[in-house]
C-alpha atoms as a PDB file:
ATOM      1  CA  MET A   1     237.202 228.690 174.180  1.00  0.00           C
ATOM      2  CA  THR A   2     234.538 226.044 175.920  1.00  0.00           C
ATOM      3  CA  ALA A   3     235.198 222.902 176.154  1.00  0.00           C
ATOM      4  CA  ARG A   4     231.728 220.116 175.312  1.00  0.00           C
ATOM      5  CA  ARG A   5     231.550 217.501 177.307  1.00  0.00           C
ATOM      6  CA  ARG A   6     229.430 214.634 175.999  1.00  0.00           C
ATOM      7  CA  CYS A   7     226.989 212.897 177.976  1.00  0.00           C
ATOM      8  CA  THR A   8     226.661 209.583 177.755  1.00  0.00           C
ATOM      9  CA  GLU A   9     223.174 207.150 178.641  1.00  0.00           C
ATOM     10  CA  ILE A  10     223.082 203.588 179.876  1.00  0.00           C
ATOM     11  CA  SER A  11     219.759 202.003 181.242  1.00  0.00           C
ATOM     12  CA  GLY A  12     218.509 205.290 181.893  1.00  0.00           C
ATOM     13  CA  ASN A  13     221.104 206.920 183.391  1.00  0.00           C
ATOM     14  CA  THR A  14     222.862 209.858 181.922  1.00  0.00           C
ATOM     15  CA  ILE A  15     226.850 209.759 182.552  1.00  0.00           C
ATOM     16  CA  LEU A  16     228.672 213.220 181.878  1.00  0.00           C
ATOM     17  CA  GLY A  17     231.835 212.321 179.722  1.00  0.00           C
ATOM     18  CA  GLY A  18     233.091 210.503 176.765  1.00  0.00           C
ATOM     19  CA  SER A  19     233.734 207.354 178.116  1.00  0.00           C
ATOM     20  CA  VAL A  20     231.902 204.932 180.972  1.00  0.00           C
ATOM     21  CA  ASN A  21     234.171 203.776 183.888  1.00  0.00           C
ATOM     22  CA  LYS A  22     233.885 200.063 186.031  1.00  0.00           C
ATOM     23  CA  SER A  23     231.888 201.884 188.763  1.00  0.00           C
ATOM     24  CA  GLU A  24     229.141 203.844 186.416  1.00  0.00           C
ATOM     25  CA  LEU A  25     228.836 199.908 184.414  1.00  0.00           C
ATOM     26  CA  ILE A  26     228.032 198.455 187.562  1.00  0.00           C
ATOM     27  CA  ASP A  27     225.430 200.633 188.596  1.00  0.00           C
ATOM     28  CA  ALA A  28     224.008 200.890 185.132  1.00  0.00           C
ATOM     29  CA  ILE A  29     224.347 196.548 185.495  1.00  0.00           C
ATOM     30  CA  ALA A  30     222.755 197.012 188.891  1.00  0.00           C
ATOM     31  CA  ASP A  31     219.963 199.666 187.822  1.00  0.00           C
ATOM     32  CA  GLY A  32     218.704 197.493 184.674  1.00  0.00           C
ATOM     33  CA  ALA A  33     218.593 194.287 186.384  1.00  0.00           C
ATOM     34  CA  GLY A  34     217.129 195.188 189.841  1.00  0.00           C
ATOM     35  CA  ILE A  35     220.339 193.703 191.646  1.00  0.00           C
ATOM     36  CA  SER A  36     221.787 195.262 194.422  1.00  0.00           C
ATOM     37  CA  LYS A  37     225.437 196.960 193.465  1.00  0.00           C
ATOM     38  CA  SER A  38     227.630 194.091 195.384  1.00  0.00           C
ATOM     39  CA  GLN A  39     225.743 191.480 193.268  1.00  0.00           C
ATOM     40  CA  ALA A  40     226.340 193.710 189.764  1.00  0.00           C
ATOM     41  CA  GLU A  41     229.691 193.780 190.469  1.00  0.00           C
ATOM     42  CA  SER A  42     230.142 190.572 191.563  1.00  0.00           C
ATOM     43  CA  ALA A  43     228.742 190.048 187.893  1.00  0.00           C
ATOM     44  CA  LEU A  44     230.660 191.597 186.233  1.00  0.00           C
ATOM     45  CA  ASN A  45     234.005 190.119 187.862  1.00  0.00           C
ATOM     46  CA  ALA A  46     232.562 186.990 186.763  1.00  0.00           C
ATOM     47  CA  MET A  47     232.421 187.741 183.317  1.00  0.00           C
ATOM     48  CA  ILE A  48     235.443 189.402 182.745  1.00  0.00           C
ATOM     49  CA  ASP A  49     236.932 186.197 184.624  1.00  0.00           C
ATOM     50  CA  ALA A  50     235.460 184.439 182.135  1.00  0.00           C
ATOM     51  CA  VAL A  51     236.020 185.718 179.441  1.00  0.00           C
ATOM     52  CA  GLN A  52     240.027 186.610 180.245  1.00  0.00           C
ATOM     53  CA  GLY A  53     240.551 182.602 181.286  1.00  0.00           C
ATOM     54  CA  ALA A  54     239.172 181.373 178.152  1.00  0.00           C
ATOM     55  CA  VAL A  55     240.456 184.330 175.571  1.00  0.00           C
ATOM     56  CA  ALA A  56     243.773 183.503 177.446  1.00  0.00           C
ATOM     57  CA  GLY A  57     243.653 179.436 177.048  1.00  0.00           C
ATOM     58  CA  GLY A  58     243.493 179.731 173.065  1.00  0.00           C
ATOM     59  CA  ASP A  59     238.991 179.974 173.103  1.00  0.00           C
ATOM     60  CA  LYS A  60     236.541 182.505 171.280  1.00  0.00           C
ATOM     61  CA  VAL A  61     233.936 183.689 172.923  1.00  0.00           C
ATOM     62  CA  THR A  62     231.073 184.472 171.400  1.00  0.00           C
ATOM     63  CA  LEU A  63     227.951 186.710 172.326  1.00  0.00           C
ATOM     64  CA  PRO A  64     225.308 186.922 170.213  1.00  0.00           C
ATOM     65  CA  GLY A  65     224.670 190.375 168.886  1.00  0.00           C
ATOM     66  CA  PHE A  66     227.603 191.680 171.140  1.00  0.00           C
ATOM     67  CA  GLY A  67     230.838 190.268 169.684  1.00  0.00           C
ATOM     68  CA  SER A  68     233.105 187.898 169.942  1.00  0.00           C
ATOM     69  CA  TRP A  69     236.481 187.765 172.273  1.00  0.00           C
ATOM     70  CA  SER A  70     239.682 185.729 170.097  1.00  0.00           C
ATOM     71  CA  GLN A  71     242.992 185.159 171.070  1.00  0.00           C
ATOM     72  CA  SER A  72     245.578 186.613 167.850  1.00  0.00           C
ATOM     73  CA  GLN A  73     248.734 185.739 166.713  1.00  0.00           C
ATOM     74  CA  ARG A  74     251.464 187.854 166.050  1.00  0.00           C
ATOM     75  CA  SER A  75     254.549 186.779 164.093  1.00  0.00           C
ATOM     76  CA  ALA A  76     257.731 187.449 164.700  1.00  0.00           C
ATOM     77  CA  ARG A  77     259.088 190.838 162.618  1.00  0.00           C
ATOM     78  CA  GLN A  78     262.014 192.940 162.500  1.00  0.00           C
ATOM     79  CA  GLY A  79     261.485 196.660 163.044  1.00  0.00           C
ATOM     80  CA  ARG A  80     262.962 200.021 163.280  1.00  0.00           C
ATOM     81  CA  ASN A  81     263.875 201.677 166.320  1.00  0.00           C
ATOM     82  CA  PRO A  82     262.612 205.621 165.614  1.00  0.00           C
ATOM     83  CA  ARG A  83     265.633 207.468 167.839  1.00  0.00           C
ATOM     84  CA  THR A  84     268.732 205.483 166.271  1.00  0.00           C
ATOM     85  CA  GLY A  85     266.920 203.612 162.669  1.00  0.00           C
ATOM     86  CA  GLU A  86     268.705 200.998 164.102  1.00  0.00           C
ATOM     87  CA  ILE A  87     266.887 197.812 162.623  1.00  0.00           C
ATOM     88  CA  VAL A  88     265.832 195.777 166.298  1.00  0.00           C
ATOM     89  CA  GLN A  89     263.530 192.188 166.644  1.00  0.00           C
ATOM     90  CA  ILE A  90     260.267 191.928 167.335  1.00  0.00           C
ATOM     91  CA  PRO A  91     259.529 188.819 169.338  1.00  0.00           C
ATOM     92  CA  ALA A  92     256.481 186.687 168.049  1.00  0.00           C
ATOM     93  CA  SER A  93     253.317 187.514 170.848  1.00  0.00           C
ATOM     94  CA  LYS A  94     249.791 186.987 171.486  1.00  0.00           C
ATOM     95  CA  GLY A  95     247.049 189.837 171.679  1.00  0.00           C
ATOM     96  CA  VAL A  96     243.296 190.297 172.120  1.00  0.00           C
ATOM     97  CA  LYS A  97     240.779 190.540 168.761  1.00  0.00           C
ATOM     98  CA  PHE A  98     237.252 191.884 169.561  1.00  0.00           C
ATOM     99  CA  SER A  99     234.874 191.990 167.137  1.00  0.00           C
ATOM    100  CA  ALA A 100     232.293 193.573 167.464  1.00  0.00           C
ATOM    101  CA  GLY A 101     228.589 191.678 166.724  1.00  0.00           C
ATOM    102  CA  ALA A 102     225.821 193.389 164.396  1.00  0.00           C
ATOM    103  CA  LYS A 103     223.209 194.195 166.742  1.00  0.00           C
ATOM    104  CA  PHE A 104     226.028 196.118 168.403  1.00  0.00           C
ATOM    105  CA  LYS A 105     227.399 197.788 165.178  1.00  0.00           C
ATOM    106  CA  SER A 106     223.788 198.761 164.077  1.00  0.00           C
ATOM    107  CA  ALA A 107     223.452 200.614 167.631  1.00  0.00           C
ATOM    108  CA  VAL A 108     226.797 202.694 167.290  1.00  0.00           C
ATOM    109  CA  LYS A 109     225.602 203.966 163.904  1.00  0.00           C
ATOM    110  CA  GLN A 110     222.119 204.886 165.326  1.00  0.00           C
END
């Protein structure tokens, strides 16, 4: 049996495999914006830091057409240890939720 490799195209760059890593994303940003790779990396890092900081502070970050990030609250609850069946307490926690925007959803559906 042979494995099929998927190709992903970002800003005209074809990437083999089913996922895009950070350096490939930086290359695509640099090519798409006509800037150097170091400038693209700085811009991407700044965007990531800004989103993380805002969501960690309880704010919702929205990029119209792309999506929004927000903080979600999980209340404390009971669970079971799958190995022993013992009931355990799961503490309350915070998480991150991403909701894709309409433009993003339609691009994925095509």
